[in-house]
Amino acid sequence: DVISYVLIAFVGISLVVSSIMIGVITYISVLERKKEIGILRAIGASKHNISQVFNAETFIIGLLSGLMGIGITLLLLIPTNIIIHNVSNQTSINAMLPVSGAVVLVLLSIGLTLLGGLIPSRKAAKEDPVKALRTD
């Protein structure tokens, strides 16, 4: 039980840190694309549209990273099962990733990236188009 709690705490801390890093990366993206935000606002995009652009970007990042994680896990299960079979001398013991678990992990990845991108997308939406167009 203690080992499980330690692992859960470790995973929780890493999820918080990864959400913060996603927020930082999205914030840097907002800073680098000020001129683009200004142009979009100048041609009639609403604040909500600007926020949607960055939310869509973080959604795609979350979806792709979740799918890549599931793919890597499935690939790593092949050598893991070979090692388990050789160590235990039994072929009835297999490591596997349930489909429901994979779906939950992808949804968690999407949710965390969206959560990490909320503040930067709101900052991008509040950007003044005149100031944004004046920046280099």
Protein backbone atom coordinates (compact mmCIF):
# COMPACT_ATOMS: atom_id res chain seq x y z
CA ASP A 1 0.00 0.00 0.00
CA VAL A 2 2.81 2.43 0.83
CA ILE A 3 4.45 1.85 -2.53
CA SER A 4 1.13 2.51 -4.30
CA TYR A 5 0.69 5.79 -2.42
CA VAL A 6 4.23 6.88 -3.26
CA LEU A 7 3.67 6.07 -6.93
CA ILE A 8 0.34 7.92 -6.96
CA ALA A 9 1.99 10.95 -5.34
CA PHE A 10 4.82 10.83 -7.88
CA VAL A 11 2.36 10.65 -10.79
CA GLY A 12 0.28 13.49 -9.32
CA ILE A 13 3.32 15.73 -8.96
CA SER A 14 4.47 14.96 -12.49
CA LEU A 15 0.98 15.76 -13.86
CA VAL A 16 0.97 19.14 -12.10
CA VAL A 17 4.46 19.95 -13.37
CA SER A 18 3.55 18.91 -16.92
CA SER A 19 0.40 21.08 -16.83
CA ILE A 20 2.49 24.06 -15.73
CA MET A 21 5.02 23.41 -18.50
CA ILE A 22 2.24 23.22 -21.10
CA GLY A 23 0.96 26.56 -19.82
CA VAL A 24 4.45 28.08 -20.13
CA ILE A 25 4.87 26.75 -23.67
CA THR A 26 1.46 28.08 -24.70
CA TYR A 27 2.25 31.44 -23.09
CA ILE A 28 5.51 31.64 -25.07
CA SER A 29 3.51 30.81 -28.21
CA VAL A 30 1.16 33.70 -27.41
CA LEU A 31 4.08 36.09 -26.96
CA GLU A 32 5.68 35.00 -30.23
CA ARG A 33 2.44 35.33 -32.20
CA LYS A 34 1.33 38.79 -31.07
CA LYS A 35 1.37 40.14 -34.60
CA GLU A 36 -0.77 37.23 -35.82
CA ILE A 37 -3.24 37.88 -32.98
CA GLY A 38 -3.35 41.55 -33.91
CA ILE A 39 -4.02 40.76 -37.58
CA LEU A 40 -6.80 38.33 -36.67
CA ARG A 41 -8.39 40.91 -34.38
CA ALA A 42 -8.02 43.64 -37.01
CA ILE A 43 -9.85 41.59 -39.65
CA GLY A 44 -12.75 40.93 -37.30
CA ALA A 45 -11.94 37.94 -35.11
CA SER A 46 -13.56 38.19 -31.70
CA LYS A 47 -11.79 37.59 -28.41
CA HIS A 48 -13.57 34.25 -28.22
CA ASN A 49 -12.18 33.26 -31.65
CA ILE A 50 -8.62 34.07 -30.56
CA SER A 51 -9.09 32.01 -27.40
CA GLN A 52 -10.46 29.14 -29.50
CA VAL A 53 -7.34 29.15 -31.70
CA PHE A 54 -5.05 28.54 -28.72
CA ASN A 55 -7.48 26.09 -27.09
CA ALA A 56 -7.61 24.10 -30.33
CA GLU A 57 -3.81 24.09 -30.43
CA THR A 58 -3.55 22.74 -26.88
CA PHE A 59 -6.30 20.17 -27.63
CA ILE A 60 -4.34 18.86 -30.60
CA ILE A 61 -1.14 18.73 -28.54
CA GLY A 62 -2.96 16.79 -25.80
CA LEU A 63 -4.57 14.37 -28.23
CA LEU A 64 -1.36 13.65 -30.11
CA SER A 65 0.73 13.27 -26.96
CA GLY A 66 -1.86 10.92 -25.44
CA LEU A 67 -1.97 8.80 -28.59
CA MET A 68 1.82 8.73 -28.79
CA GLY A 69 2.00 7.65 -25.15
CA ILE A 70 -0.45 4.81 -25.78
CA GLY A 71 1.47 3.75 -28.90
CA ILE A 72 4.81 3.72 -27.06
CA THR A 73 3.22 1.78 -24.20
CA LEU A 74 1.85 -0.83 -26.59
CA LEU A 75 5.26 -1.18 -28.23
CA LEU A 76 6.99 -1.53 -24.86
CA LEU A 77 4.54 -4.25 -23.82
CA ILE A 78 6.08 -6.62 -26.38
CA PRO A 79 9.58 -6.82 -24.81
CA THR A 80 8.06 -6.55 -21.32
CA ASN A 81 5.94 -9.64 -21.90
CA ILE A 82 8.95 -11.51 -23.28
CA ILE A 83 10.92 -10.65 -20.14
CA ILE A 84 8.01 -11.68 -17.90
CA HIS A 85 7.67 -15.00 -19.73
CA ASN A 86 11.39 -15.73 -19.45
CA VAL A 87 11.63 -14.79 -15.77
CA SER A 88 8.48 -16.59 -14.61
CA ASN A 89 8.70 -19.53 -17.04
CA GLN A 90 4.97 -19.11 -17.65
CA THR A 91 3.18 -17.81 -20.70
CA SER A 92 -0.09 -17.28 -18.85
CA ILE A 93 1.14 -14.07 -17.19
CA ASN A 94 0.93 -11.06 -19.50
CA ALA A 95 1.22 -7.33 -19.05
CA MET A 96 -1.50 -5.49 -20.94
CA LEU A 97 -3.12 -2.12 -21.33
CA PRO A 98 -6.91 -2.28 -21.14
CA VAL A 99 -8.80 -0.27 -23.77
CA SER A 100 -10.74 1.61 -21.10
CA GLY A 101 -7.48 2.58 -19.41
CA ALA A 102 -6.04 3.80 -22.70
CA VAL A 103 -9.13 5.93 -23.37
CA VAL A 104 -8.97 7.40 -19.86
CA LEU A 105 -5.28 8.23 -20.31
CA VAL A 106 -5.90 9.99 -23.63
CA LEU A 107 -8.80 11.96 -22.12
CA LEU A 108 -6.62 12.87 -19.13
CA SER A 109 -3.89 14.07 -21.48
CA ILE A 110 -6.37 16.24 -23.39
CA GLY A 111 -7.88 17.62 -20.19
CA LEU A 112 -4.53 18.52 -18.66
CA THR A 113 -3.29 20.28 -21.79
CA LEU A 114 -6.53 22.24 -22.06
CA LEU A 115 -6.24 23.18 -18.39
CA GLY A 116 -2.63 24.27 -18.87
CA GLY A 117 -3.55 26.39 -21.89
CA LEU A 118 -6.51 28.27 -20.38
CA ILE A 119 -4.62 31.22 -18.90
CA PRO A 120 -2.41 31.83 -21.98
CA SER A 121 -5.43 31.61 -24.31
CA ARG A 122 -7.28 34.18 -22.20
CA LYS A 123 -4.24 36.47 -22.30
CA ALA A 124 -4.14 36.13 -26.07
CA ALA A 125 -7.84 36.98 -26.30
CA LYS A 126 -7.39 40.15 -24.21
CA GLU A 127 -4.52 41.37 -26.38
CA ASP A 128 -5.12 44.88 -27.78
CA PRO A 129 -4.98 44.62 -31.61
CA VAL A 130 -3.29 48.02 -32.04
CA LYS A 131 -0.50 47.18 -29.58
CA ALA A 132 -0.14 43.71 -31.08
CA LEU A 133 0.32 45.09 -34.58
CA ARG A 134 2.96 47.57 -33.41
CA THR A 135 5.22 44.89 -31.94
CA ASP A 136 8.13 43.46 -33.92
